Amino acid sequence: METDRVDIDWTENLTVGALRKRLDESYPILSIVKAQFTISVNRKAADDRELIRTGDEIAILPPISGG
């Protein structure tokens, strides 16, 4: 399934790591490539401890290579 938007049930104090877990549960294929994508919050790469707040923009970024 390809989509540009996914709705996730919101809970207060949701971290990037908790979001990653929910995505893994909903889209098992992501667990295969999890080390190959980055989650950004408000256009900045985020680690799993970062809190997501109401109104934050979340994006899943594919691997980027360059030289």
N, C-alpha and C. Protein backbone atom coordinates (compact mmCIF):
# COMPACT_ATOMS: atom_id res chain seq x y z
N MET A 1 0.84 -1.17 0.00
CA MET A 1 0.00 0.00 0.00
C MET A 1 0.89 1.24 0.00
N GLU A 2 0.68 2.09 -0.97
CA GLU A 2 1.45 3.33 -1.05
C GLU A 2 0.55 4.49 -0.69
N THR A 3 1.03 5.35 0.18
CA THR A 3 0.23 6.49 0.60
C THR A 3 1.17 7.62 1.01
N ASP A 4 0.67 8.82 0.95
CA ASP A 4 1.49 9.95 1.39
C ASP A 4 1.04 10.45 2.76
N ARG A 5 0.05 9.75 3.35
CA ARG A 5 -0.44 10.16 4.67
C ARG A 5 -0.94 8.93 5.43
N VAL A 6 -0.61 8.88 6.71
CA VAL A 6 -1.07 7.80 7.59
C VAL A 6 -1.57 8.46 8.87
N ASP A 7 -2.75 8.06 9.32
CA ASP A 7 -3.28 8.57 10.57
C ASP A 7 -2.93 7.61 11.70
N ILE A 8 -2.40 8.14 12.79
CA ILE A 8 -2.00 7.36 13.96
C ILE A 8 -2.79 7.87 15.16
N ASP A 9 -3.32 6.95 15.98
CA ASP A 9 -3.99 7.38 17.20
C ASP A 9 -2.98 8.12 18.08
N TRP A 10 -3.36 9.29 18.50
CA TRP A 10 -2.46 10.17 19.25
C TRP A 10 -2.58 9.92 20.75
N THR A 11 -1.46 9.92 21.42
CA THR A 11 -1.43 9.93 22.88
C THR A 11 -0.44 11.00 23.29
N GLU A 12 -0.69 11.61 24.41
CA GLU A 12 0.25 12.61 24.92
C GLU A 12 1.59 11.93 25.18
N ASN A 13 2.66 12.68 25.05
CA ASN A 13 4.01 12.19 25.30
C ASN A 13 4.41 11.05 24.36
N LEU A 14 3.90 11.08 23.14
CA LEU A 14 4.32 10.11 22.13
C LEU A 14 5.74 10.46 21.70
N THR A 15 6.62 9.49 21.75
CA THR A 15 7.99 9.71 21.31
C THR A 15 8.16 9.20 19.88
N VAL A 16 9.24 9.59 19.26
CA VAL A 16 9.56 9.09 17.92
C VAL A 16 9.70 7.57 17.97
N GLY A 17 10.31 7.04 19.03
CA GLY A 17 10.46 5.59 19.17
C GLY A 17 9.12 4.88 19.25
N ALA A 18 8.16 5.46 20.00
CA ALA A 18 6.82 4.87 20.10
C ALA A 18 6.10 4.94 18.76
N LEU A 19 6.29 6.04 18.04
CA LEU A 19 5.72 6.15 16.70
C LEU A 19 6.30 5.09 15.79
N ARG A 20 7.62 4.91 15.84
CA ARG A 20 8.29 3.89 15.01
C ARG A 20 7.70 2.50 15.32
N LYS A 21 7.45 2.21 16.60
CA LYS A 21 6.89 0.92 16.98
C LYS A 21 5.47 0.75 16.41
N ARG A 22 4.66 1.80 16.52
CA ARG A 22 3.31 1.73 15.96
C ARG A 22 3.34 1.51 14.45
N LEU A 23 4.24 2.20 13.78
CA LEU A 23 4.36 2.01 12.33
C LEU A 23 4.80 0.59 12.00
N ASP A 24 5.74 0.05 12.77
CA ASP A 24 6.19 -1.33 12.56
C ASP A 24 5.03 -2.31 12.72
N GLU A 25 4.16 -2.06 13.72
CA GLU A 25 3.02 -2.94 13.95
C GLU A 25 2.00 -2.84 12.82
N SER A 26 1.79 -1.64 12.30
CA SER A 26 0.81 -1.43 11.23
C SER A 26 1.34 -1.81 9.85
N TYR A 27 2.64 -1.65 9.67
CA TYR A 27 3.29 -1.91 8.37
C TYR A 27 4.53 -2.76 8.60
N PRO A 28 4.36 -4.08 8.74
CA PRO A 28 5.48 -4.96 9.08
C PRO A 28 6.69 -4.84 8.14
N ILE A 29 6.48 -4.45 6.91
CA ILE A 29 7.61 -4.30 5.98
C ILE A 29 8.62 -3.28 6.50
N LEU A 30 8.16 -2.31 7.28
CA LEU A 30 9.08 -1.29 7.81
C LEU A 30 10.11 -1.88 8.76
N SER A 31 9.77 -2.95 9.46
CA SER A 31 10.75 -3.54 10.38
C SER A 31 11.94 -4.11 9.63
N ILE A 32 11.74 -4.45 8.38
CA ILE A 32 12.84 -4.97 7.56
C ILE A 32 13.80 -3.86 7.17
N VAL A 33 13.28 -2.67 6.93
CA VAL A 33 14.11 -1.57 6.44
C VAL A 33 14.31 -0.46 7.48
N LYS A 34 13.94 -0.71 8.74
CA LYS A 34 13.95 0.35 9.75
C LYS A 34 15.29 1.07 9.88
N ALA A 35 16.37 0.37 9.71
CA ALA A 35 17.68 1.02 9.83
C ALA A 35 17.97 1.90 8.62
N GLN A 36 17.13 1.79 7.60
CA GLN A 36 17.39 2.51 6.37
C GLN A 36 16.55 3.76 6.19
N PHE A 37 15.68 4.09 7.15
CA PHE A 37 14.92 5.33 7.02
C PHE A 37 15.04 6.16 8.29
N THR A 38 14.77 7.44 8.13
CA THR A 38 14.86 8.39 9.23
C THR A 38 13.48 9.00 9.44
N ILE A 39 13.14 9.27 10.68
CA ILE A 39 11.93 10.00 10.99
C ILE A 39 12.34 11.42 11.34
N SER A 40 11.68 12.38 10.70
CA SER A 40 11.98 13.77 11.03
C SER A 40 10.78 14.40 11.73
N VAL A 41 11.07 15.36 12.60
CA VAL A 41 10.05 16.13 13.29
C VAL A 41 10.33 17.59 12.96
N ASN A 42 9.35 18.22 12.36
CA ASN A 42 9.49 19.63 11.96
C ASN A 42 10.74 19.85 11.10
N ARG A 43 10.91 18.92 10.16
CA ARG A 43 11.98 19.01 9.14
C ARG A 43 13.39 18.85 9.68
N LYS A 44 13.51 18.22 10.85
CA LYS A 44 14.82 17.91 11.42
C LYS A 44 14.84 16.45 11.82
N ALA A 45 15.94 15.75 11.50
CA ALA A 45 16.07 14.34 11.89
C ALA A 45 15.92 14.23 13.40
N ALA A 46 15.16 13.22 13.84
CA ALA A 46 14.88 13.06 15.27
C ALA A 46 15.33 11.69 15.75
N ASP A 47 15.81 11.64 17.00
CA ASP A 47 16.13 10.33 17.57
C ASP A 47 14.89 9.79 18.29
N ASP A 48 14.94 8.54 18.70
CA ASP A 48 13.77 7.86 19.24
C ASP A 48 13.27 8.45 20.56
N ARG A 49 14.07 9.25 21.24
CA ARG A 49 13.66 9.82 22.53
C ARG A 49 12.89 11.13 22.39
N GLU A 50 12.92 11.72 21.21
CA GLU A 50 12.28 13.02 21.01
C GLU A 50 10.77 12.92 21.13
N LEU A 51 10.17 13.87 21.86
CA LEU A 51 8.72 13.93 22.01
C LEU A 51 8.10 14.58 20.79
N ILE A 52 6.95 14.05 20.41
CA ILE A 52 6.16 14.62 19.32
C ILE A 52 5.01 15.38 19.96
N ARG A 53 4.86 16.63 19.57
CA ARG A 53 3.82 17.47 20.15
C ARG A 53 2.71 17.74 19.13
N THR A 54 1.56 18.11 19.62
CA THR A 54 0.44 18.46 18.76
C THR A 54 0.89 19.53 17.76
N GLY A 55 0.61 19.30 16.50
CA GLY A 55 0.96 20.26 15.46
C GLY A 55 2.30 20.02 14.81
N ASP A 56 3.11 19.10 15.35
CA ASP A 56 4.40 18.80 14.73
C ASP A 56 4.20 18.14 13.37
N GLU A 57 5.09 18.44 12.46
CA GLU A 57 5.09 17.80 11.15
C GLU A 57 6.05 16.60 11.22
N ILE A 58 5.54 15.42 10.88
CA ILE A 58 6.33 14.19 10.92
C ILE A 58 6.53 13.71 9.51
N ALA A 59 7.74 13.26 9.18
CA ALA A 59 8.01 12.70 7.87
C ALA A 59 8.91 11.48 8.01
N ILE A 60 8.69 10.50 7.14
CA ILE A 60 9.57 9.34 7.06
C ILE A 60 10.41 9.53 5.82
N LEU A 61 11.71 9.60 6.02
CA LEU A 61 12.63 9.88 4.92
C LEU A 61 13.33 8.62 4.47
N PRO A 62 13.37 8.37 3.18
CA PRO A 62 14.06 7.20 2.66
C PRO A 62 15.57 7.38 2.80
N PRO A 63 16.32 6.31 2.61
CA PRO A 63 17.78 6.42 2.66
C PRO A 63 18.27 7.43 1.63
N ILE A 64 19.27 8.19 2.01
CA ILE A 64 19.85 9.18 1.10
C ILE A 64 21.32 8.84 0.94
N SER A 65 21.74 8.77 -0.30
CA SER A 65 23.15 8.49 -0.53
C SER A 65 23.73 9.62 -1.36
N GLY A 66 24.99 9.73 -1.31
CA GLY A 66 25.64 10.78 -2.07
C GLY A 66 27.13 10.61 -1.99
N GLY A 67 27.80 11.49 -2.56
CA GLY A 67 29.24 11.36 -2.54
C GLY A 67 29.95 12.65 -2.53
